[in-house]
Amino acid sequence: MHLSNRTTPAATAGLGAHARRRAFLAACAACVLTGCGTYVPDHAWQRVSCKTPRQCTDEEYAGAVKSTPVFVRRDGWWTYRQALPADTDPARYIERRVPKAYLEFNAEGWPHDVNQWNAVERYLKNTHKPLFVLVYVHGWHQNASTVASDESENAVKFDDLLARTKDSLVRKFPDGRVPDVLGIYVGWQGEVYDGGYRWFRSVGSRAGVANAIAANRSPDGVRGTLDAVAKAMRETHPESRMVVMGHSFGGRLLSRAFVPDFIEGRSQPLGERVLVNTVNAAIGADYFSPLYAKGFARAEALRPSWINMTSKEDWATGWIYPKAFSLGWLKPEWSEKEKEMEKDREVVREEEKASGTTIGHFPAYITHVLDVMRCSGSDCRKVEDHVDANAWEQDAGKGFEYNQFVQRYAWLPPVSDVPVDYCGVLVRRPMLSMQQREELRSKAVCNVADVNFDYLQSKGSRDGFPPSERRVPAQGRMWNIETSESMLNFRVPSLGGVSVHNGYVSTAWTRMLVDLIYEPDYLQIWPPAPSAGVVTGQKN
């Protein structure tokens, strides 16, 4: 989803840890006092309306892929759905309409309504021009219901995400070669009780359902369906692209479904021109331990086909998840039987260390740090030298180390206000040397005081790092990025007024994703990464 305009990270910072903890305990008490809550059924919320089931007409299928008007401010930072407020100048906004479809699955991973896939398939087969497909898999306490026009409902906010993606593509291709955008919202029973103690206690059961859906290997399951979407996307046009996002337990679902592909040697689980991005993924770091092991990790960070991104302020994955694990509501990602089958005992030891901590909060597995902040006054230096710099640029034949960049948000005509600049830094962790860190600190284009450069080195290390400290999983193709509220905001309050956990993705990150997936690498099938960069030998 998307966040609205912001000034500085500090301006929207959340409450302190003690205040959050008090609110959490108060919310738990409120859950007990309010009873069990209302059961939310496991059914399709967005069925395709057909007079004759399983015999829909072309018109009925076409009606299942529909758009909602979203008005995007001409600098790209603010949106209104359906209509503009009466006191708003319409000249300062532009209407973006993006077609949207739904794919809903039950708790066993079977489609609720096969006509949903039929509608998507027909849309893709009838498209013969460049297409950008954006898939979103929601997480805990969500489903595909759009009954409540509530800012916390992912299915409602999905329209904003699509509109800003379209806006980012318009700015990416000013020559008019803008691809069409298709949104696909993947729904499942992420919410089982609406309120009450069981609303909170459902964390364990919803994790189990996400696992079960991911485990369905049928062509009709989530895995098989997304693979079919990717294949159909590639057949539309050579320039078509696809991004698959999963938030919270949606990130867990995607990880459980596709991470095994990396172990089997595939560098792109869904094929070329597809990028997977999990957001505040609610899954234990121990599930990824095999990808950090001998023969699977590299010292170099190559062009990513998978990005896990987590905000360090995300309280749900950073605090609630470990607490739920300690209470036994969540289990280790690998069973004792699976651990016994693992030949590499070092992998097992690392799995045990990582167990109970989410992938985005386990320091040893963080591969990059990303931060973006608004430029103003003395905060910025040499802005013009970095405008439109490629955040993903890296020297040929070398792994990614760090980049500075400035995103300029110019107003589209007829508005001609002064553009706003946001400066960013994307840094490899740990960095190679103290000299490298100090060089970045001294030449930073923006005031990067919020970036902890000391955190970019390994604990106890000085100048230089042993290769084993610089591990990028999945042969360098999976990045695990730590970021802040600058990229993932917690704008909607919950749990007694404390912003906790949602999928609001900033416009800055949307533009970075668009830039990344149109890098030349996504035009071809990547061969397996050469073994020369593997840092820890070969797996037994």
Protein backbone atom coordinates (compact mmCIF):
# COMPACT_ATOMS: atom_id res chain seq x y z
CA MET A 1 0.00 0.00 0.00
CA HIS A 2 1.06 3.64 0.02
CA LEU A 3 1.77 6.36 2.50
CA SER A 4 0.95 10.02 2.04
CA ASN A 5 3.38 12.90 1.80
CA ARG A 6 5.85 13.28 4.61
CA THR A 7 8.38 15.91 5.61
CA THR A 8 11.15 14.19 7.53
CA PRO A 9 11.42 10.78 9.17
CA ALA A 10 11.45 12.45 12.57
CA ALA A 11 8.19 14.25 11.84
CA THR A 12 6.23 11.00 11.77
CA ALA A 13 8.26 8.94 14.19
CA GLY A 14 6.27 6.53 16.33
CA LEU A 15 5.99 6.44 20.08
CA GLY A 16 8.82 5.14 22.23
CA ALA A 17 9.29 1.51 23.15
CA HIS A 18 7.80 1.93 26.64
CA ALA A 19 4.71 3.68 25.31
CA ARG A 20 4.26 0.98 22.70
CA ARG A 21 4.62 -1.75 25.30
CA ARG A 22 2.00 -0.09 27.53
CA ALA A 23 -0.36 0.23 24.58
CA PHE A 24 0.25 -3.40 23.68
CA LEU A 25 -0.58 -4.62 27.18
CA ALA A 26 -3.64 -2.38 27.28
CA ALA A 27 -4.77 -3.77 23.95
CA CYS A 28 -4.32 -7.35 25.19
CA ALA A 29 -6.45 -6.52 28.24
CA ALA A 30 -9.07 -4.94 25.98
CA CYS A 31 -9.11 -8.08 23.84
CA VAL A 32 -9.87 -10.20 26.89
CA LEU A 33 -12.59 -7.83 28.10
CA THR A 34 -14.28 -7.63 24.70
CA GLY A 35 -14.68 -11.41 24.42
CA CYS A 36 -14.03 -13.78 21.56
CA GLY A 37 -14.81 -11.56 18.60
CA THR A 38 -16.86 -12.22 15.47
CA TYR A 39 -15.85 -15.07 13.18
CA VAL A 40 -14.81 -13.98 9.68
CA PRO A 41 -15.70 -16.71 7.14
CA ASP A 42 -13.26 -18.24 4.69
CA HIS A 43 -14.96 -17.32 1.43
CA ALA A 44 -14.51 -15.24 -1.71
CA TRP A 45 -15.23 -11.55 -1.26
CA GLN A 46 -14.85 -10.67 -4.93
CA ARG A 47 -16.56 -13.40 -6.94
CA VAL A 48 -16.90 -12.96 -10.68
CA SER A 49 -20.55 -12.21 -11.37
CA CYS A 50 -21.80 -14.65 -14.03
CA LYS A 51 -25.36 -15.61 -14.89
CA THR A 52 -24.22 -19.18 -15.55
CA PRO A 53 -21.47 -20.42 -13.17
CA ARG A 54 -18.33 -21.65 -14.94
CA GLN A 55 -19.76 -20.41 -18.24
CA CYS A 56 -19.09 -16.71 -18.04
CA THR A 57 -19.36 -14.59 -21.15
CA ASP A 58 -16.48 -12.47 -22.42
CA GLU A 59 -18.31 -9.39 -21.16
CA GLU A 60 -18.67 -10.89 -17.69
CA TYR A 61 -14.98 -11.77 -17.56
CA ALA A 62 -14.08 -8.27 -18.74
CA GLY A 63 -16.25 -6.84 -15.98
CA ALA A 64 -14.18 -8.70 -13.38
CA VAL A 65 -11.12 -6.60 -14.26
CA LYS A 66 -12.15 -3.05 -13.45
CA SER A 67 -10.61 0.22 -12.38
CA THR A 68 -11.34 2.82 -9.72
CA PRO A 69 -10.53 6.50 -10.24
CA VAL A 70 -7.63 7.69 -8.09
CA PHE A 71 -6.47 11.29 -8.20
CA VAL A 72 -2.70 11.68 -7.81
CA ARG A 73 -1.24 15.05 -6.93
CA ARG A 74 0.94 16.24 -9.78
CA ASP A 75 4.12 15.90 -7.75
CA GLY A 76 3.28 12.22 -7.18
CA TRP A 77 2.98 12.32 -3.40
CA TRP A 78 -0.70 12.46 -2.48
CA THR A 79 -3.80 10.56 -3.58
CA TYR A 80 -7.57 10.68 -3.24
CA ARG A 81 -9.81 7.78 -4.22
CA GLN A 82 -13.10 8.10 -6.09
CA ALA A 83 -13.35 11.92 -5.98
CA LEU A 84 -11.53 15.06 -4.89
CA PRO A 85 -12.70 17.00 -1.82
CA ALA A 86 -14.79 20.05 -2.62
CA ASP A 87 -12.10 22.49 -1.46
CA THR A 88 -9.34 20.91 -3.60
CA ASP A 89 -7.99 22.53 -6.77
CA PRO A 90 -8.56 19.90 -9.49
CA ALA A 91 -5.77 21.37 -11.62
CA ARG A 92 -3.23 20.13 -9.08
CA TYR A 93 -4.28 16.48 -9.50
CA ILE A 94 -4.35 14.03 -12.35
CA GLU A 95 -6.68 11.04 -12.60
CA ARG A 96 -5.05 7.63 -12.88
CA ARG A 97 -7.17 4.58 -13.61
CA VAL A 98 -5.63 1.12 -13.34
CA PRO A 99 -7.51 -2.15 -13.99
CA LYS A 100 -7.57 -4.49 -11.01
CA ALA A 101 -8.41 -8.17 -10.57
CA TYR A 102 -8.63 -10.56 -7.61
CA LEU A 103 -7.34 -14.07 -6.97
CA GLU A 104 -8.67 -15.55 -3.72
CA PHE A 105 -7.66 -18.83 -2.07
CA ASN A 106 -9.08 -20.86 0.80
CA ALA A 107 -7.17 -22.08 3.84
CA GLU A 108 -5.92 -25.16 1.95
CA GLY A 109 -4.65 -23.09 -0.95
CA TRP A 110 -7.40 -23.87 -3.46
CA PRO A 111 -9.08 -21.11 -5.48
CA HIS A 112 -12.39 -19.88 -4.13
CA ASP A 113 -13.59 -18.94 -7.61
CA VAL A 114 -11.89 -20.35 -10.72
CA ASN A 115 -13.54 -17.62 -12.77
CA GLN A 116 -11.18 -15.11 -11.13
CA TRP A 117 -8.20 -16.78 -12.81
CA ASN A 118 -10.14 -17.16 -16.06
CA ALA A 119 -10.73 -13.40 -16.09
CA VAL A 120 -7.04 -12.64 -15.46
CA GLU A 121 -5.92 -15.15 -18.08
CA ARG A 122 -8.21 -13.67 -20.73
CA TYR A 123 -7.04 -10.15 -19.93
CA LEU A 124 -3.40 -11.15 -20.32
CA LYS A 125 -3.99 -13.11 -23.53
CA ASN A 126 -5.77 -10.13 -25.07
CA THR A 127 -2.91 -7.76 -24.24
CA HIS A 128 -0.24 -7.31 -26.88
CA LYS A 129 1.53 -4.19 -25.64
CA PRO A 130 3.98 -3.55 -22.81
CA LEU A 131 2.42 -4.37 -19.45
CA PHE A 132 3.45 -3.85 -15.83
CA VAL A 133 1.77 -6.44 -13.58
CA LEU A 134 1.71 -5.64 -9.87
CA VAL A 135 0.66 -8.50 -7.58
CA TYR A 136 -0.02 -7.87 -3.90
CA VAL A 137 -0.40 -10.63 -1.28
CA HIS A 138 -1.82 -9.29 1.98
CA GLY A 139 -1.01 -10.43 5.49
CA TRP A 140 -2.46 -10.77 9.00
CA HIS A 141 -5.90 -9.28 9.76
CA GLN A 142 -6.62 -8.70 6.07
CA ASN A 143 -8.63 -10.29 3.27
CA ALA A 144 -10.11 -9.15 -0.06
CA SER A 145 -13.10 -7.37 1.46
CA THR A 146 -13.70 -3.81 0.30
CA VAL A 147 -16.92 -3.35 2.27
CA ALA A 148 -15.31 -1.12 4.86
CA SER A 149 -13.79 1.94 3.21
CA ASP A 150 -11.17 1.94 5.91
CA GLU A 151 -7.63 3.24 5.51
CA SER A 152 -6.37 0.10 7.24
CA GLU A 153 -7.90 -2.24 4.63
CA ASN A 154 -5.24 -3.37 2.17
CA ALA A 155 -7.85 -4.18 -0.49
CA VAL A 156 -9.07 -0.58 -0.33
CA LYS A 157 -5.62 1.00 -0.40
CA PHE A 158 -4.48 -1.22 -3.28
CA ASP A 159 -5.96 1.34 -5.68
CA ASP A 160 -3.56 3.98 -4.32
CA LEU A 161 -0.59 1.69 -4.83
CA LEU A 162 -1.62 1.03 -8.42
CA ALA A 163 -2.20 4.71 -9.20
CA ARG A 164 1.19 5.74 -7.86
CA THR A 165 2.86 2.90 -9.72
CA LYS A 166 1.26 4.21 -12.90
CA ASP A 167 2.44 7.72 -12.02
CA SER A 168 6.00 6.44 -11.45
CA LEU A 169 5.96 4.74 -14.86
CA VAL A 170 4.76 7.95 -16.54
CA ARG A 171 7.77 9.73 -15.06
CA LYS A 172 10.08 6.84 -15.98
CA PHE A 173 9.02 7.00 -19.63
CA PRO A 174 8.42 10.67 -20.50
CA ASP A 175 8.61 9.81 -24.21
CA GLY A 176 5.18 8.22 -24.03
CA ARG A 177 6.25 4.55 -24.02
CA VAL A 178 4.39 4.03 -20.76
CA PRO A 179 3.31 0.41 -20.21
CA ASP A 180 -0.21 -0.39 -19.13
CA VAL A 181 -0.59 -1.48 -15.49
CA LEU A 182 -2.60 -4.44 -14.22
CA GLY A 183 -3.12 -4.95 -10.50
CA ILE A 184 -3.79 -8.39 -9.04
CA TYR A 185 -4.79 -8.61 -5.39
CA VAL A 186 -4.25 -12.05 -3.83
CA GLY A 187 -6.68 -12.66 -0.99
CA TRP A 188 -6.85 -15.34 1.72
CA GLN A 189 -8.23 -15.70 5.24
CA GLY A 190 -5.73 -13.45 6.99
CA GLU A 191 -8.50 -12.38 9.36
CA VAL A 192 -10.41 -15.09 11.23
CA TYR A 193 -11.82 -13.13 14.22
CA ASP A 194 -12.86 -9.51 14.05
CA GLY A 195 -12.03 -8.25 17.52
CA GLY A 196 -11.69 -9.87 20.92
CA TYR A 197 -8.88 -11.91 22.42
CA ARG A 198 -8.90 -14.40 19.55
CA TRP A 199 -8.27 -11.53 17.11
CA PHE A 200 -4.81 -11.21 18.66
CA ARG A 201 -4.32 -14.89 19.45
CA SER A 202 -4.85 -15.80 15.78
CA VAL A 203 -1.22 -15.00 14.95
CA GLY A 204 -0.32 -18.69 15.19
CA SER A 205 -3.24 -20.04 13.19
CA ARG A 206 -2.79 -17.43 10.43
CA ALA A 207 0.90 -18.32 10.14
CA GLY A 208 -0.15 -21.95 9.77
CA VAL A 209 -2.68 -21.09 7.08
CA ALA A 210 -0.06 -19.10 5.16
CA ASN A 211 2.21 -22.15 5.34
CA ALA A 212 -0.57 -24.45 4.11
CA ILE A 213 -1.45 -22.21 1.17
CA ALA A 214 2.21 -22.02 0.16
CA ALA A 215 2.56 -25.80 0.42
CA ASN A 216 -0.14 -26.43 -2.19
CA ARG A 217 1.96 -27.35 -5.24
CA SER A 218 -1.01 -27.82 -7.54
CA PRO A 219 -1.13 -25.69 -10.72
CA ASP A 220 -4.31 -24.21 -9.22
CA GLY A 221 -2.61 -23.13 -5.97
CA VAL A 222 -0.99 -19.75 -5.31
CA ARG A 223 2.42 -20.91 -6.49
CA GLY A 224 1.09 -22.45 -9.70
CA THR A 225 -1.22 -19.52 -10.40
CA LEU A 226 1.49 -16.87 -9.96
CA ASP A 227 3.78 -18.91 -12.19
CA ALA A 228 1.02 -18.94 -14.82
CA VAL A 229 0.57 -15.17 -14.47
CA ALA A 230 4.32 -14.65 -14.97
CA LYS A 231 4.38 -16.83 -18.09
CA ALA A 232 1.34 -15.07 -19.56
CA MET A 233 2.90 -11.69 -18.75
CA ARG A 234 6.05 -12.57 -20.71
CA GLU A 235 3.94 -13.54 -23.71
CA THR A 236 2.21 -10.15 -23.87
CA HIS A 237 5.29 -8.18 -24.96
CA PRO A 238 9.12 -8.32 -24.61
CA GLU A 239 9.05 -5.15 -22.49
CA SER A 240 6.47 -6.41 -19.97
CA ARG A 241 7.43 -6.70 -16.30
CA MET A 242 5.99 -8.07 -13.07
CA VAL A 243 6.48 -7.25 -9.38
CA VAL A 244 5.08 -9.55 -6.68
CA MET A 245 4.75 -7.96 -3.23
CA GLY A 246 3.87 -9.75 -0.01
CA HIS A 247 3.26 -7.98 3.29
CA SER A 248 3.51 -9.55 6.75
CA PHE A 249 2.15 -13.11 6.51
CA GLY A 250 1.82 -12.45 2.77
CA GLY A 251 5.61 -12.25 2.74
CA ARG A 252 5.65 -15.48 4.71
CA LEU A 253 3.37 -17.12 2.16
CA LEU A 254 5.58 -16.07 -0.76
CA SER A 255 8.74 -17.16 1.05
CA ARG A 256 7.34 -20.56 1.87
CA ALA A 257 6.17 -21.01 -1.71
CA PHE A 258 9.28 -19.90 -3.61
CA VAL A 259 12.43 -19.87 -1.42
CA PRO A 260 12.94 -23.62 -2.06
CA ASP A 261 13.52 -22.70 -5.72
CA PHE A 262 16.74 -20.93 -4.74
CA ILE A 263 17.94 -24.05 -2.95
CA GLU A 264 17.22 -26.00 -6.12
CA GLY A 265 19.40 -23.61 -8.13
CA ARG A 266 16.91 -21.24 -9.75
CA SER A 267 18.05 -17.61 -9.62
CA GLN A 268 14.58 -16.27 -10.46
CA PRO A 269 11.78 -18.39 -8.97
CA LEU A 270 9.13 -16.86 -11.22
CA GLY A 271 11.34 -16.47 -14.26
CA GLU A 272 12.89 -13.53 -16.03
CA ARG A 273 11.50 -10.01 -15.74
CA VAL A 274 9.86 -10.78 -12.38
CA LEU A 275 10.90 -9.28 -9.04
CA VAL A 276 9.63 -10.50 -5.65
CA ASN A 277 9.51 -7.99 -2.81
CA THR A 278 8.43 -8.95 0.71
CA VAL A 279 7.54 -6.08 3.05
CA ASN A 280 7.90 -6.50 6.82
CA ALA A 281 7.72 -10.24 6.28
CA ALA A 282 6.42 -12.17 9.29
CA ILE A 283 8.63 -15.23 8.92
CA GLY A 284 11.52 -16.48 11.00
CA ALA A 285 15.08 -15.81 9.88
CA ASP A 286 15.80 -19.51 10.39
CA TYR A 287 13.79 -20.32 7.26
CA PHE A 288 16.48 -18.55 5.23
CA SER A 289 19.49 -20.11 6.97
CA PRO A 290 20.12 -22.67 4.19
CA LEU A 291 20.53 -19.81 1.70
CA TYR A 292 23.28 -18.28 3.86
CA ALA A 293 25.11 -21.60 4.10
CA LYS A 294 28.06 -23.12 2.30
CA GLY A 295 27.63 -23.10 -1.44
CA PHE A 296 24.59 -20.83 -1.35
CA ALA A 297 25.98 -17.49 -0.13
CA ARG A 298 28.25 -15.07 -1.97
CA ALA A 299 30.42 -12.18 -0.87
CA GLU A 300 29.11 -10.06 -3.75
CA ALA A 301 25.63 -8.59 -3.96
CA LEU A 302 24.43 -9.24 -7.50
CA ARG A 303 21.34 -7.81 -9.17
CA PRO A 304 18.47 -8.98 -6.91
CA SER A 305 15.52 -11.03 -8.07
CA TRP A 306 14.15 -11.11 -4.50
CA ILE A 307 14.17 -8.33 -1.90
CA ASN A 308 13.12 -8.67 1.73
CA MET A 309 12.62 -5.16 3.13
CA THR A 310 11.84 -4.45 6.78
CA SER A 311 11.53 -1.23 8.72
CA LYS A 312 13.55 -1.18 11.91
CA GLU A 313 10.53 0.59 13.49
CA ASP A 314 8.15 -2.23 12.60
CA TRP A 315 6.98 -3.29 16.02
CA ALA A 316 4.92 -6.28 14.85
CA THR A 317 7.84 -8.18 13.31
CA GLY A 318 10.39 -6.79 15.74
CA TRP A 319 8.54 -7.28 19.03
CA ILE A 320 5.17 -9.05 18.71
CA TYR A 321 6.55 -11.91 16.61
CA PRO A 322 9.31 -12.84 19.11
CA LYS A 323 6.83 -12.56 22.01
CA ALA A 324 4.34 -14.81 20.23
CA PHE A 325 7.18 -17.26 19.57
CA SER A 326 8.21 -17.28 23.23
CA LEU A 327 4.59 -18.03 24.19
CA GLY A 328 4.52 -20.98 21.84
CA TRP A 329 2.01 -19.39 19.46
CA LEU A 330 4.58 -19.52 16.67
CA LYS A 331 6.95 -22.40 15.98
CA PRO A 332 10.48 -22.75 14.53
CA GLU A 333 10.43 -22.72 10.74
CA TRP A 334 12.17 -26.11 10.54
CA SER A 335 10.93 -29.18 12.40
CA GLU A 336 13.26 -31.36 14.45
CA LYS A 337 12.95 -34.06 11.79
CA GLU A 338 14.01 -31.62 9.06
CA LYS A 339 16.97 -30.52 11.17
CA GLU A 340 18.06 -34.14 11.61
CA MET A 341 18.03 -34.57 7.83
CA GLU A 342 20.32 -31.57 7.32
CA LYS A 343 23.88 -32.82 6.76
CA ASP A 344 25.54 -29.48 7.47
CA ARG A 345 25.43 -29.10 11.25
CA GLU A 346 26.57 -25.49 10.98
CA VAL A 347 23.32 -24.73 9.19
CA VAL A 348 21.37 -26.32 12.04
CA ARG A 349 23.28 -24.29 14.64
CA GLU A 350 22.57 -21.08 12.76
CA GLU A 351 18.91 -22.00 12.36
CA GLU A 352 18.64 -22.38 16.11
CA LYS A 353 20.22 -18.95 16.66
CA ALA A 354 17.87 -17.32 14.15
CA SER A 355 14.73 -19.07 15.38
CA GLY A 356 12.11 -16.75 16.84
CA THR A 357 13.46 -13.63 15.11
CA THR A 358 12.04 -12.41 11.81
CA ILE A 359 14.23 -12.19 8.73
CA GLY A 360 14.28 -8.40 8.82
CA HIS A 361 15.40 -8.16 12.45
CA PHE A 362 18.20 -10.74 12.54
CA PRO A 363 21.39 -8.60 12.28
CA ALA A 364 23.63 -11.32 10.85
CA TYR A 365 21.35 -11.66 7.83
CA ILE A 366 20.97 -7.96 6.94
CA THR A 367 22.67 -7.36 3.58
CA HIS A 368 21.88 -3.66 2.97
CA VAL A 369 20.72 -0.49 4.69
CA LEU A 370 18.44 1.98 2.86
CA ASP A 371 17.26 5.40 3.93
CA VAL A 372 15.60 8.32 2.14
CA MET A 373 14.88 11.76 3.54
CA ARG A 374 13.59 15.07 2.27
CA CYS A 375 16.22 17.60 1.27
CA SER A 376 15.91 21.07 2.70
CA GLY A 377 18.39 23.85 3.38
CA SER A 378 21.73 22.69 4.75
CA ASP A 379 20.60 19.05 4.78
CA CYS A 380 21.63 18.66 1.16
CA ARG A 381 24.94 18.97 -0.65
CA LYS A 382 25.55 18.76 -4.41
CA VAL A 383 21.96 17.84 -5.06
CA GLU A 384 22.12 18.60 -8.77
CA ASP A 385 25.02 16.16 -9.19
CA HIS A 386 22.87 13.32 -7.92
CA VAL A 387 19.44 14.05 -9.40
CA ASP A 388 18.19 11.00 -11.27
CA ALA A 389 21.25 8.98 -10.22
CA ASN A 390 20.60 5.26 -10.45
CA ALA A 391 20.30 3.80 -6.96
CA TRP A 392 20.96 0.32 -8.40
CA GLU A 393 24.03 1.13 -10.48
CA GLN A 394 27.09 -1.07 -10.05
CA ASP A 395 30.32 -1.56 -11.94
CA ALA A 396 30.31 -4.37 -14.47
CA GLY A 397 31.65 -7.59 -13.01
CA LYS A 398 31.57 -6.26 -9.45
CA GLY A 399 29.17 -6.66 -6.58
CA PHE A 400 27.04 -3.79 -5.33
CA GLU A 401 28.62 -1.66 -2.57
CA TYR A 402 26.81 1.66 -2.16
CA ASN A 403 25.05 4.43 -4.05
CA GLN A 404 23.77 7.89 -3.26
CA PHE A 405 20.88 9.31 -5.22
CA VAL A 406 18.35 12.13 -5.32
CA GLN A 407 14.74 11.64 -6.36
CA ARG A 408 13.28 14.87 -7.73
CA TYR A 409 9.50 15.15 -7.54
CA ALA A 410 8.69 17.64 -10.27
CA TRP A 411 5.15 18.87 -10.77
CA LEU A 412 3.54 17.72 -13.99
CA PRO A 413 2.03 20.45 -16.23
CA PRO A 414 0.13 22.69 -15.93
CA VAL A 415 1.36 23.08 -12.34
CA SER A 416 4.85 24.58 -12.13
CA ASP A 417 5.61 24.66 -8.40
CA VAL A 418 9.16 24.19 -7.15
CA PRO A 419 10.05 20.48 -7.15
CA VAL A 420 10.85 18.66 -3.94
CA ASP A 421 14.02 16.59 -3.63
CA TYR A 422 14.50 13.45 -1.57
CA CYS A 423 18.02 12.16 -1.10
CA GLY A 424 18.79 8.54 -0.46
CA VAL A 425 21.58 6.16 0.40
CA LEU A 426 21.65 2.41 -0.30
CA VAL A 427 24.61 0.77 1.41
CA ARG A 428 25.99 -2.75 1.52
CA ARG A 429 26.36 -4.24 4.97
CA PRO A 430 28.93 -4.83 6.26
CA MET A 431 31.10 -2.39 4.33
CA LEU A 432 34.56 -3.39 3.22
CA SER A 433 36.53 -0.98 5.36
CA MET A 434 36.39 1.97 7.73
CA GLN A 435 37.91 4.07 4.95
CA GLN A 436 34.95 3.25 2.73
CA ARG A 437 32.50 4.19 5.46
CA GLU A 438 34.21 7.48 6.21
CA GLU A 439 34.32 8.33 2.50
CA LEU A 440 30.59 7.83 2.22
CA ARG A 441 29.96 9.80 5.41
CA SER A 442 32.09 12.76 4.29
CA LYS A 443 30.74 12.93 0.75
CA ALA A 444 27.11 12.22 1.55
CA VAL A 445 24.77 14.28 -0.61
CA CYS A 446 22.30 14.61 2.24
CA ASN A 447 22.43 14.79 5.99
CA VAL A 448 22.64 11.09 6.77
CA ALA A 449 22.84 11.49 10.52
CA ASP A 450 20.03 8.96 10.85
CA VAL A 451 22.10 6.30 9.08
CA ASN A 452 24.19 4.42 11.61
CA PHE A 453 27.43 3.96 9.68
CA ASP A 454 29.02 2.10 12.55
CA TYR A 455 26.28 -0.50 12.14
CA LEU A 456 27.61 -1.13 8.64
CA GLN A 457 30.66 -2.89 10.05
CA SER A 458 30.76 -6.29 11.66
CA LYS A 459 30.86 -6.43 15.43
CA GLY A 460 34.43 -6.48 16.69
CA SER A 461 35.94 -5.88 13.25
CA ARG A 462 38.23 -3.07 12.31
CA ASP A 463 39.55 -2.45 8.81
CA GLY A 464 38.42 -5.13 6.41
CA PHE A 465 36.16 -8.11 6.90
CA PRO A 466 36.56 -11.85 6.50
CA PRO A 467 34.60 -13.13 3.49
CA SER A 468 32.28 -15.11 5.74
CA GLU A 469 30.98 -11.84 7.23
CA ARG A 470 29.77 -10.64 3.82
CA ARG A 471 27.07 -13.11 2.89
CA VAL A 472 24.36 -12.44 0.36
CA PRO A 473 21.98 -15.41 0.20
CA ALA A 474 20.73 -17.23 -2.88
CA GLN A 475 24.01 -16.80 -4.78
CA GLY A 476 23.86 -13.02 -4.27
CA ARG A 477 20.36 -12.65 -5.75
CA MET A 478 18.38 -12.15 -2.52
CA TRP A 479 18.83 -8.86 -0.69
CA ASN A 480 17.66 -8.37 2.89
CA ILE A 481 17.30 -4.61 3.35
CA GLU A 482 16.83 -2.78 6.62
CA THR A 483 15.08 0.55 6.21
CA SER A 484 13.04 3.02 8.26
CA GLU A 485 9.72 4.84 8.24
CA SER A 486 11.05 6.78 5.25
CA MET A 487 10.18 3.78 3.08
CA LEU A 488 7.60 1.86 5.13
CA ASN A 489 5.23 4.05 7.09
CA PHE A 490 2.85 3.18 9.92
CA ARG A 491 0.32 5.88 9.30
CA VAL A 492 -2.87 4.17 10.47
CA PRO A 493 -3.13 3.89 14.28
CA SER A 494 -4.23 0.72 15.98
CA LEU A 495 -3.80 -1.00 19.35
CA GLY A 496 -4.89 1.99 21.38
CA GLY A 497 -3.48 4.68 19.10
CA VAL A 498 -0.05 3.21 18.45
CA SER A 499 1.00 2.77 14.86
CA VAL A 500 2.03 -0.85 14.61
CA HIS A 501 2.14 -2.73 11.35
CA ASN A 502 0.79 -2.22 7.86
CA GLY A 503 1.83 -2.40 4.23
CA TYR A 504 2.11 1.29 3.34
CA VAL A 505 4.96 1.56 0.86
CA SER A 506 6.36 4.99 0.05
CA THR A 507 6.36 6.56 -3.39
CA ALA A 508 10.16 6.64 -3.10
CA TRP A 509 10.31 2.83 -2.90
CA THR A 510 7.79 2.43 -5.73
CA ARG A 511 10.05 4.46 -7.99
CA MET A 512 13.07 2.46 -6.94
CA LEU A 513 11.27 -0.79 -7.80
CA VAL A 514 10.29 0.59 -11.20
CA ASP A 515 13.90 1.61 -11.88
CA LEU A 516 15.24 -1.78 -10.79
CA ILE A 517 12.96 -3.96 -12.85
CA TYR A 518 13.74 -1.99 -16.01
CA GLU A 519 17.46 -2.59 -15.61
CA PRO A 520 18.81 -4.58 -18.60
CA ASP A 521 19.28 -7.72 -16.48
CA TYR A 522 15.55 -8.28 -16.44
CA LEU A 523 15.47 -8.72 -20.22
CA GLN A 524 17.11 -12.10 -20.07
CA ILE A 525 17.19 -15.36 -18.15
CA TRP A 526 19.97 -15.21 -15.60
CA PRO A 527 22.29 -18.20 -15.61
CA PRO A 528 23.31 -19.66 -12.26
CA ALA A 529 25.87 -17.43 -10.58
CA PRO A 530 29.47 -18.67 -11.04
CA SER A 531 30.91 -20.44 -8.04
CA ALA A 532 33.96 -18.15 -7.82
CA GLY A 533 32.07 -15.72 -5.62
CA VAL A 534 30.83 -18.33 -3.17
CA VAL A 535 32.42 -17.43 0.09
CA THR A 536 32.18 -20.54 2.20
CA GLY A 537 32.93 -23.57 0.07
CA GLN A 538 30.43 -26.13 -1.16
CA LYS A 539 27.42 -27.65 0.54
CA ASN A 540 27.72 -31.34 1.41
